Each structure stands twice: as C-alpha cells, then as structure tokens.
Amino acid sequence: MSAKETIKYRHQSAGQPGFHLYNDLLDGFCSDDKCESPVYLCLDGVAATLQTMDSGGASVAVVLPRGVARELGLLPTETGTSSAADSTR
C-alpha cells in the first residue's frame, strides 16, 4: 500500500509523454534524522530499454523530449544561449 504525495505531474498528451514524480508517504518513517526517503518517477508514453545486471538490479535507458527533461529539472531551462551539451546533438 502506498500514499502518494505529488511533487510534479504532467498528463500524457498527443505526442508528449506524461510523468508523475512523487513521494510515498509510507517511506518517510525513519528512526533517525539522517534518513532520506526516495522519490518515485513514473513515465507514461516513453521509449525505454531495460537490461538486468549480473550484480543485481537493472539499467534503464529512457528517451525523453528535452522539454520534459527541463520540466523535471534534468536539463537547465533555456535562457537564449545553448550549452555545450546542446551543441553536440
């Protein structure tokens, strides 16, 4: 069971993926002050590949439009100047 607290949400629309970034309030019960609960990211309508790893867990590659990546804070917002990363596309 979970109790989701939305941090950021975008509804999937034609041609644009949606996302839900949230806290699970039940993860927040920690016994010490240094405990940091995780956040969860659900992506709708994206291309993704998943590869399991021998060491456990998985590696996930997700294709995001730059606008969505900016909304999630993964890229700096556009200020009229291009970054070095943008110029290598």
PDB file of N, CA and C in Angstrom:
ATOM      1  N   MET A   1       0.841  -1.176   0.000  1.00  0.00           N
ATOM      2  CA  MET A   1       0.000   0.000   0.000  1.00  0.00           C
ATOM      3  C   MET A   1       0.888   1.243   0.000  1.00  0.00           C
ATOM      4  N   SER A   2       0.444   2.251  -0.713  1.00  0.00           N
ATOM      5  CA  SER A   2       1.215   3.489  -0.754  1.00  0.00           C
ATOM      6  C   SER A   2       0.299   4.683  -0.541  1.00  0.00           C
ATOM      7  N   ALA A   3       0.902   5.779  -0.180  1.00  0.00           N
ATOM      8  CA  ALA A   3       0.205   7.055  -0.035  1.00  0.00           C
ATOM      9  C   ALA A   3       1.029   8.070  -0.815  1.00  0.00           C
ATOM     10  N   LYS A   4       0.604   8.341  -2.040  1.00  0.00           N
ATOM     11  CA  LYS A   4       1.396   9.185  -2.934  1.00  0.00           C
ATOM     12  C   LYS A   4       1.160  10.667  -2.654  1.00  0.00           C
ATOM     13  N   GLU A   5       2.273  11.390  -2.574  1.00  0.00           N
ATOM     14  CA  GLU A   5       2.250  12.841  -2.451  1.00  0.00           C
ATOM     15  C   GLU A   5       2.956  13.395  -3.682  1.00  0.00           C
ATOM     16  N   THR A   6       2.181  14.022  -4.572  1.00  0.00           N
ATOM     17  CA  THR A   6       2.718  14.503  -5.839  1.00  0.00           C
ATOM     18  C   THR A   6       3.693  15.650  -5.638  1.00  0.00           C
ATOM     19  N   ILE A   7       4.842  15.536  -6.285  1.00  0.00           N
ATOM     20  CA  ILE A   7       5.829  16.615  -6.333  1.00  0.00           C
ATOM     21  C   ILE A   7       5.632  17.388  -7.634  1.00  0.00           C
ATOM     22  N   LYS A   8       5.488  16.649  -8.736  1.00  0.00           N
ATOM     23  CA  LYS A   8       5.290  17.255 -10.049  1.00  0.00           C
ATOM     24  C   LYS A   8       4.549  16.255 -10.919  1.00  0.00           C
ATOM     25  N   TYR A   9       3.635  16.761 -11.743  1.00  0.00           N
ATOM     26  CA  TYR A   9       2.816  15.894 -12.582  1.00  0.00           C
ATOM     27  C   TYR A   9       2.586  16.551 -13.936  1.00  0.00           C
ATOM     28  N   ARG A  10       2.586  15.724 -14.966  1.00  0.00           N
ATOM     29  CA  ARG A  10       2.233  16.182 -16.311  1.00  0.00           C
ATOM     30  C   ARG A  10       1.446  15.069 -16.978  1.00  0.00           C
ATOM     31  N   HIS A  11       0.254  15.408 -17.451  1.00  0.00           N
ATOM     32  CA  HIS A  11      -0.607  14.441 -18.128  1.00  0.00           C
ATOM     33  C   HIS A  11      -0.052  14.132 -19.513  1.00  0.00           C
ATOM     34  N   GLN A  12      -0.087  12.858 -19.900  1.00  0.00           N
ATOM     35  CA  GLN A  12       0.359  12.473 -21.233  1.00  0.00           C
ATOM     36  C   GLN A  12      -0.614  13.041 -22.262  1.00  0.00           C
ATOM     37  N   SER A  13      -0.082  13.690 -23.286  1.00  0.00           N
ATOM     38  CA  SER A  13      -0.913  14.243 -24.348  1.00  0.00           C
ATOM     39  C   SER A  13      -0.400  13.739 -25.690  1.00  0.00           C
ATOM     40  N   ALA A  14      -1.081  14.058 -26.744  1.00  0.00           N
ATOM     41  CA  ALA A  14      -0.682  13.597 -28.074  1.00  0.00           C
ATOM     42  C   ALA A  14       0.748  14.011 -28.382  1.00  0.00           C
ATOM     43  N   GLY A  15       1.601  13.031 -28.565  1.00  0.00           N
ATOM     44  CA  GLY A  15       2.984  13.297 -28.929  1.00  0.00           C
ATOM     45  C   GLY A  15       3.906  13.669 -27.780  1.00  0.00           C
ATOM     46  N   GLN A  16       3.388  13.858 -26.585  1.00  0.00           N
ATOM     47  CA  GLN A  16       4.223  14.231 -25.441  1.00  0.00           C
ATOM     48  C   GLN A  16       3.999  13.255 -24.291  1.00  0.00           C
ATOM     49  N   PRO A  17       5.076  12.741 -23.718  1.00  0.00           N
ATOM     50  CA  PRO A  17       4.921  11.812 -22.598  1.00  0.00           C
ATOM     51  C   PRO A  17       4.437  12.527 -21.343  1.00  0.00           C
ATOM     52  N   GLY A  18       3.903  11.741 -20.457  1.00  0.00           N
ATOM     53  CA  GLY A  18       3.493  12.260 -19.156  1.00  0.00           C
ATOM     54  C   GLY A  18       4.409  11.718 -18.077  1.00  0.00           C
ATOM     55  N   PHE A  19       4.334  12.329 -16.909  1.00  0.00           N
ATOM     56  CA  PHE A  19       5.134  11.836 -15.785  1.00  0.00           C
ATOM     57  C   PHE A  19       4.437  12.135 -14.471  1.00  0.00           C
ATOM     58  N   HIS A  20       4.820  11.390 -13.470  1.00  0.00           N
ATOM     59  CA  HIS A  20       4.367  11.616 -12.102  1.00  0.00           C
ATOM     60  C   HIS A  20       5.571  11.427 -11.193  1.00  0.00           C
ATOM     61  N   LEU A  21       6.034  12.502 -10.601  1.00  0.00           N
ATOM     62  CA  LEU A  21       7.129  12.480  -9.638  1.00  0.00           C
ATOM     63  C   LEU A  21       6.479  12.626  -8.269  1.00  0.00           C
ATOM     64  N   TYR A  22       6.731  11.674  -7.393  1.00  0.00           N
ATOM     65  CA  TYR A  22       6.018  11.701  -6.115  1.00  0.00           C
ATOM     66  C   TYR A  22       6.821  11.073  -4.976  1.00  0.00           C
ATOM     67  N   ASN A  23       6.401  11.403  -3.769  1.00  0.00           N
ATOM     68  CA  ASN A  23       6.869  10.764  -2.541  1.00  0.00           C
ATOM     69  C   ASN A  23       5.866   9.693  -2.166  1.00  0.00           C
ATOM     70  N   ASP A  24       6.325   8.624  -1.582  1.00  0.00           N
ATOM     71  CA  ASP A  24       5.430   7.669  -0.947  1.00  0.00           C
ATOM     72  C   ASP A  24       5.526   7.961   0.551  1.00  0.00           C
ATOM     73  N   LEU A  25       4.462   8.484   1.104  1.00  0.00           N
ATOM     74  CA  LEU A  25       4.500   8.935   2.495  1.00  0.00           C
ATOM     75  C   LEU A  25       4.805   7.809   3.469  1.00  0.00           C
ATOM     76  N   LEU A  26       4.528   6.585   3.103  1.00  0.00           N
ATOM     77  CA  LEU A  26       4.834   5.460   3.987  1.00  0.00           C
ATOM     78  C   LEU A  26       6.323   5.162   4.032  1.00  0.00           C
ATOM     79  N   ASP A  27       7.102   5.669   3.063  1.00  0.00           N
ATOM     80  CA  ASP A  27       8.558   5.507   3.087  1.00  0.00           C
ATOM     81  C   ASP A  27       9.217   6.487   4.043  1.00  0.00           C
ATOM     82  N   GLY A  28       8.503   7.482   4.495  1.00  0.00           N
ATOM     83  CA  GLY A  28       9.094   8.555   5.286  1.00  0.00           C
ATOM     84  C   GLY A  28       9.261   8.250   6.757  1.00  0.00           C
ATOM     85  N   PHE A  29       8.904   7.070   7.189  1.00  0.00           N
ATOM     86  CA  PHE A  29       9.018   6.740   8.602  1.00  0.00           C
ATOM     87  C   PHE A  29      10.413   6.202   8.894  1.00  0.00           C
ATOM     88  N   CYS A  30      11.280   7.069   9.395  1.00  0.00           N
ATOM     89  CA  CYS A  30      12.662   6.704   9.683  1.00  0.00           C
ATOM     90  C   CYS A  30      12.931   6.915  11.160  1.00  0.00           C
ATOM     91  N   SER A  31      13.883   6.168  11.664  1.00  0.00           N
ATOM     92  CA  SER A  31      14.183   6.255  13.089  1.00  0.00           C
ATOM     93  C   SER A  31      15.257   7.283  13.417  1.00  0.00           C
ATOM     94  N   ASP A  32      15.949   7.811  12.418  1.00  0.00           N
ATOM     95  CA  ASP A  32      16.974   8.819  12.703  1.00  0.00           C
ATOM     96  C   ASP A  32      16.804  10.022  11.784  1.00  0.00           C
ATOM     97  N   ASP A  33      17.450  11.130  12.118  1.00  0.00           N
ATOM     98  CA  ASP A  33      17.303  12.375  11.365  1.00  0.00           C
ATOM     99  C   ASP A  33      18.020  12.350  10.019  1.00  0.00           C
ATOM    100  N   LYS A  34      18.924  11.399   9.819  1.00  0.00           N
ATOM    101  CA  LYS A  34      19.713  11.355   8.583  1.00  0.00           C
ATOM    102  C   LYS A  34      19.029  10.538   7.486  1.00  0.00           C
ATOM    103  N   CYS A  35      17.902   9.940   7.782  1.00  0.00           N
ATOM    104  CA  CYS A  35      17.205   9.095   6.823  1.00  0.00           C
ATOM    105  C   CYS A  35      16.530   9.963   5.757  1.00  0.00           C
ATOM    106  N   GLU A  36      16.766   9.623   4.500  1.00  0.00           N
ATOM    107  CA  GLU A  36      16.136  10.309   3.383  1.00  0.00           C
ATOM    108  C   GLU A  36      15.316   9.295   2.601  1.00  0.00           C
ATOM    109  N   SER A  37      14.033   9.513   2.521  1.00  0.00           N
ATOM    110  CA  SER A  37      13.205   8.587   1.761  1.00  0.00           C
ATOM    111  C   SER A  37      13.372   8.862   0.264  1.00  0.00           C
ATOM    112  N   PRO A  38      13.183   7.836  -0.567  1.00  0.00           N
ATOM    113  CA  PRO A  38      13.342   8.018  -2.014  1.00  0.00           C
ATOM    114  C   PRO A  38      12.159   8.769  -2.610  1.00  0.00           C
ATOM    115  N   VAL A  39      12.308   9.198  -3.852  1.00  0.00           N
ATOM    116  CA  VAL A  39      11.199   9.716  -4.640  1.00  0.00           C
ATOM    117  C   VAL A  39      10.960   8.719  -5.764  1.00  0.00           C
ATOM    118  N   TYR A  40       9.781   8.761  -6.323  1.00  0.00           N
ATOM    119  CA  TYR A  40       9.399   7.833  -7.379  1.00  0.00           C
ATOM    120  C   TYR A  40       9.058   8.622  -8.634  1.00  0.00           C
ATOM    121  N   LEU A  41       9.425   8.078  -9.788  1.00  0.00           N
ATOM    122  CA  LEU A  41       9.141   8.704 -11.068  1.00  0.00           C
ATOM    123  C   LEU A  41       8.474   7.675 -11.971  1.00  0.00           C
ATOM    124  N   CYS A  42       7.246   7.961 -12.360  1.00  0.00           N
ATOM    125  CA  CYS A  42       6.510   7.129 -13.298  1.00  0.00           C
ATOM    126  C   CYS A  42       6.429   7.896 -14.611  1.00  0.00           C
ATOM    127  N   LEU A  43       6.884   7.277 -15.693  1.00  0.00           N
ATOM    128  CA  LEU A  43       6.869   7.898 -17.019  1.00  0.00           C
ATOM    129  C   LEU A  43       5.854   7.172 -17.893  1.00  0.00           C
ATOM    130  N   ASP A  44       5.002   7.929 -18.564  1.00  0.00           N
ATOM    131  CA  ASP A  44       3.990   7.363 -19.450  1.00  0.00           C
ATOM    132  C   ASP A  44       4.271   7.785 -20.885  1.00  0.00           C
ATOM    133  N   GLY A  45       4.272   6.826 -21.803  1.00  0.00           N
ATOM    134  CA  GLY A  45       4.425   7.138 -23.214  1.00  0.00           C
ATOM    135  C   GLY A  45       5.848   7.425 -23.654  1.00  0.00           C
ATOM    136  N   VAL A  46       6.826   6.782 -23.013  1.00  0.00           N
ATOM    137  CA  VAL A  46       8.229   6.985 -23.385  1.00  0.00           C
ATOM    138  C   VAL A  46       8.798   5.683 -23.943  1.00  0.00           C
ATOM    139  N   ALA A  47       9.842   5.815 -24.746  1.00  0.00           N
ATOM    140  CA  ALA A  47      10.589   4.639 -25.199  1.00  0.00           C
ATOM    141  C   ALA A  47      11.627   4.317 -24.137  1.00  0.00           C
ATOM    142  N   ALA A  48      11.745   3.047 -23.807  1.00  0.00           N
ATOM    143  CA  ALA A  48      12.689   2.657 -22.761  1.00  0.00           C
ATOM    144  C   ALA A  48      13.254   1.277 -23.054  1.00  0.00           C
ATOM    145  N   THR A  49      14.480   1.066 -22.599  1.00  0.00           N
ATOM    146  CA  THR A  49      15.079  -0.269 -22.639  1.00  0.00           C
ATOM    147  C   THR A  49      15.511  -0.616 -21.230  1.00  0.00           C
ATOM    148  N   LEU A  50      15.355  -1.872 -20.891  1.00  0.00           N
ATOM    149  CA  LEU A  50      15.720  -2.350 -19.563  1.00  0.00           C
ATOM    150  C   LEU A  50      16.673  -3.514 -19.724  1.00  0.00           C
ATOM    151  N   GLN A  51      17.766  -3.454 -18.996  1.00  0.00           N
ATOM    152  CA  GLN A  51      18.752  -4.533 -19.044  1.00  0.00           C
ATOM    153  C   GLN A  51      19.067  -4.945 -17.618  1.00  0.00           C
ATOM    154  N   THR A  52      18.881  -6.216 -17.316  1.00  0.00           N
ATOM    155  CA  THR A  52      19.233  -6.690 -15.985  1.00  0.00           C
ATOM    156  C   THR A  52      20.746  -6.801 -15.879  1.00  0.00           C
ATOM    157  N   MET A  53      21.245  -6.601 -14.673  1.00  0.00           N
ATOM    158  CA  MET A  53      22.682  -6.603 -14.444  1.00  0.00           C
ATOM    159  C   MET A  53      23.055  -7.829 -13.617  1.00  0.00           C
ATOM    160  N   ASP A  54      24.221  -8.389 -13.897  1.00  0.00           N
ATOM    161  CA  ASP A  54      24.694  -9.553 -13.154  1.00  0.00           C
ATOM    162  C   ASP A  54      24.841  -9.249 -11.668  1.00  0.00           C
ATOM    163  N   SER A  55      25.162  -7.997 -11.353  1.00  0.00           N
ATOM    164  CA  SER A  55      25.372  -7.605  -9.958  1.00  0.00           C
ATOM    165  C   SER A  55      24.058  -7.352  -9.232  1.00  0.00           C
ATOM    166  N   GLY A  56      22.941  -7.477  -9.929  1.00  0.00           N
ATOM    167  CA  GLY A  56      21.626  -7.226  -9.343  1.00  0.00           C
ATOM    168  C   GLY A  56      21.065  -5.906  -9.835  1.00  0.00           C
ATOM    169  N   GLY A  57      19.771  -5.778  -9.793  1.00  0.00           N
ATOM    170  CA  GLY A  57      19.137  -4.555 -10.252  1.00  0.00           C
ATOM    171  C   GLY A  57      19.060  -4.504 -11.763  1.00  0.00           C
ATOM    172  N   ALA A  58      18.872  -3.310 -12.285  1.00  0.00           N
ATOM    173  CA  ALA A  58      18.713  -3.149 -13.728  1.00  0.00           C
ATOM    174  C   ALA A  58      19.263  -1.803 -14.161  1.00  0.00           C
ATOM    175  N   SER A  59      19.546  -1.718 -15.453  1.00  0.00           N
ATOM    176  CA  SER A  59      19.941  -0.476 -16.093  1.00  0.00           C
ATOM    177  C   SER A  59      18.789  -0.086 -17.015  1.00  0.00           C
ATOM    178  N   VAL A  60      18.312   1.152 -16.886  1.00  0.00           N
ATOM    179  CA  VAL A  60      17.176   1.618 -17.674  1.00  0.00           C
ATOM    180  C   VAL A  60      17.589   2.840 -18.481  1.00  0.00           C
ATOM    181  N   ALA A  61      17.348   2.797 -19.779  1.00  0.00           N
ATOM    182  CA  ALA A  61      17.577   3.957 -20.641  1.00  0.00           C
ATOM    183  C   ALA A  61      16.215   4.448 -21.118  1.00  0.00           C
ATOM    184  N   VAL A  62      15.956   5.738 -20.937  1.00  0.00           N
ATOM    185  CA  VAL A  62      14.668   6.322 -21.281  1.00  0.00           C
ATOM    186  C   VAL A  62      14.895   7.466 -22.255  1.00  0.00           C
ATOM    187  N   VAL A  63      14.084   7.524 -23.301  1.00  0.00           N
ATOM    188  CA  VAL A  63      14.152   8.603 -24.278  1.00  0.00           C
ATOM    189  C   VAL A  63      13.127   9.665 -23.880  1.00  0.00           C
ATOM    190  N   LEU A  64      13.619  10.866 -23.534  1.00  0.00           N
ATOM    191  CA  LEU A  64      12.750  11.971 -23.117  1.00  0.00           C
ATOM    192  C   LEU A  64      12.909  13.152 -24.058  1.00  0.00           C
ATOM    193  N   PRO A  65      11.823  13.787 -24.435  1.00  0.00           N
ATOM    194  CA  PRO A  65      11.962  15.056 -25.140  1.00  0.00           C
ATOM    195  C   PRO A  65      12.649  16.077 -24.223  1.00  0.00           C
ATOM    196  N   ARG A  66      13.411  16.972 -24.798  1.00  0.00           N
ATOM    197  CA  ARG A  66      14.146  17.948 -23.989  1.00  0.00           C
ATOM    198  C   ARG A  66      13.218  18.793 -23.111  1.00  0.00           C
ATOM    199  N   GLY A  67      12.036  19.116 -23.611  1.00  0.00           N
ATOM    200  CA  GLY A  67      11.095  19.911 -22.814  1.00  0.00           C
ATOM    201  C   GLY A  67      10.683  19.197 -21.542  1.00  0.00           C
ATOM    202  N   VAL A  68      10.448  17.894 -21.627  1.00  0.00           N
ATOM    203  CA  VAL A  68      10.090  17.105 -20.454  1.00  0.00           C
ATOM    204  C   VAL A  68      11.284  17.021 -19.501  1.00  0.00           C
ATOM    205  N   ALA A  69      12.469  16.817 -20.043  1.00  0.00           N
ATOM    206  CA  ALA A  69      13.679  16.768 -19.212  1.00  0.00           C
ATOM    207  C   ALA A  69      13.871  18.092 -18.468  1.00  0.00           C
ATOM    208  N   ARG A  70      13.573  19.207 -19.137  1.00  0.00           N
ATOM    209  CA  ARG A  70      13.678  20.519 -18.468  1.00  0.00           C
ATOM    210  C   ARG A  70      12.646  20.633 -17.346  1.00  0.00           C
ATOM    211  N   GLU A  71      11.410  20.186 -17.612  1.00  0.00           N
ATOM    212  CA  GLU A  71      10.365  20.241 -16.586  1.00  0.00           C
ATOM    213  C   GLU A  71      10.750  19.449 -15.349  1.00  0.00           C
ATOM    214  N   LEU A  72      11.449  18.345 -15.548  1.00  0.00           N
ATOM    215  CA  LEU A  72      11.879  17.506 -14.431  1.00  0.00           C
ATOM    216  C   LEU A  72      13.155  18.021 -13.766  1.00  0.00           C
ATOM    217  N   GLY A  73      13.750  19.075 -14.329  1.00  0.00           N
ATOM    218  CA  GLY A  73      14.968  19.632 -13.756  1.00  0.00           C
ATOM    219  C   GLY A  73      16.223  18.870 -14.143  1.00  0.00           C
ATOM    220  N   LEU A  74      16.132  18.030 -15.178  1.00  0.00           N
ATOM    221  CA  LEU A  74      17.289  17.259 -15.618  1.00  0.00           C
ATOM    222  C   LEU A  74      18.191  18.053 -16.545  1.00  0.00           C
ATOM    223  N   LEU A  75      17.656  19.089 -17.162  1.00  0.00           N
ATOM    224  CA  LEU A  75      18.414  19.994 -18.023  1.00  0.00           C
ATOM    225  C   LEU A  75      18.141  21.419 -17.562  1.00  0.00           C
ATOM    226  N   PRO A  76      19.088  22.318 -17.785  1.00  0.00           N
ATOM    227  CA  PRO A  76      18.829  23.710 -17.423  1.00  0.00           C
ATOM    228  C   PRO A  76      17.730  24.293 -18.310  1.00  0.00           C
ATOM    229  N   THR A  77      17.007  25.266 -17.789  1.00  0.00           N
ATOM    230  CA  THR A  77      15.986  25.919 -18.596  1.00  0.00           C
ATOM    231  C   THR A  77      16.650  26.747 -19.674  1.00  0.00           C
ATOM    232  N   GLU A  78      15.962  26.917 -20.786  1.00  0.00           N
ATOM    233  CA  GLU A  78      16.513  27.696 -21.894  1.00  0.00           C
ATOM    234  C   GLU A  78      16.569  29.164 -21.501  1.00  0.00           C
ATOM    235  N   THR A  79      17.722  29.791 -21.763  1.00  0.00           N
ATOM    236  CA  THR A  79      17.889  31.210 -21.466  1.00  0.00           C
ATOM    237  C   THR A  79      18.333  31.978 -22.696  1.00  0.00           C
ATOM    238  N   GLY A  80      18.187  31.356 -23.876  1.00  0.00           N
ATOM    239  CA  GLY A  80      18.613  32.021 -25.096  1.00  0.00           C
ATOM    240  C   GLY A  80      20.028  31.670 -25.512  1.00  0.00           C
ATOM    241  N   THR A  81      20.753  30.956 -24.659  1.00  0.00           N
ATOM    242  CA  THR A  81      22.104  30.521 -25.012  1.00  0.00           C
ATOM    243  C   THR A  81      22.135  29.011 -25.024  1.00  0.00           C
ATOM    244  N   SER A  82      22.893  28.437 -25.911  1.00  0.00           N
ATOM    245  CA  SER A  82      22.975  26.983 -25.955  1.00  0.00           C
ATOM    246  C   SER A  82      24.157  26.513 -25.137  1.00  0.00           C
ATOM    247  N   SER A  83      23.979  25.369 -24.512  1.00  0.00           N
ATOM    248  CA  SER A  83      25.056  24.794 -23.712  1.00  0.00           C
ATOM    249  C   SER A  83      25.931  23.948 -24.603  1.00  0.00           C
ATOM    250  N   ALA A  84      27.061  23.522 -24.094  1.00  0.00           N
ATOM    251  CA  ALA A  84      27.969  22.656 -24.848  1.00  0.00           C
ATOM    252  C   ALA A  84      27.294  21.337 -25.171  1.00  0.00           C
ATOM    253  N   ALA A  85      26.485  20.831 -24.248  1.00  0.00           N
ATOM    254  CA  ALA A  85      25.790  19.560 -24.485  1.00  0.00           C
ATOM    255  C   ALA A  85      24.785  19.693 -25.613  1.00  0.00           C
ATOM    256  N   ASP A  86      24.090  20.819 -25.708  1.00  0.00           N
ATOM    257  CA  ASP A  86      23.129  21.026 -26.769  1.00  0.00           C
ATOM    258  C   ASP A  86      23.791  21.141 -28.133  1.00  0.00           C
ATOM    259  N   SER A  87      24.997  21.665 -28.175  1.00  0.00           N
ATOM    260  CA  SER A  87      25.660  21.886 -29.461  1.00  0.00           C
ATOM    261  C   SER A  87      26.263  20.615 -30.038  1.00  0.00           C
ATOM    262  N   THR A  88      26.276  19.518 -29.266  1.00  0.00           N
ATOM    263  CA  THR A  88      26.849  18.271 -29.764  1.00  0.00           C
ATOM    264  C   THR A  88      25.799  17.352 -30.343  1.00  0.00           C
ATOM    265  N   ARG A  89      24.558  17.800 -30.437  1.00  0.00           N
ATOM    266  CA  ARG A  89      23.494  16.955 -30.977  1.00  0.00           C
ATOM    267  C   ARG A  89      23.699  16.704 -32.438  1.00  0.00           C
TER     268      ARG A  89
END
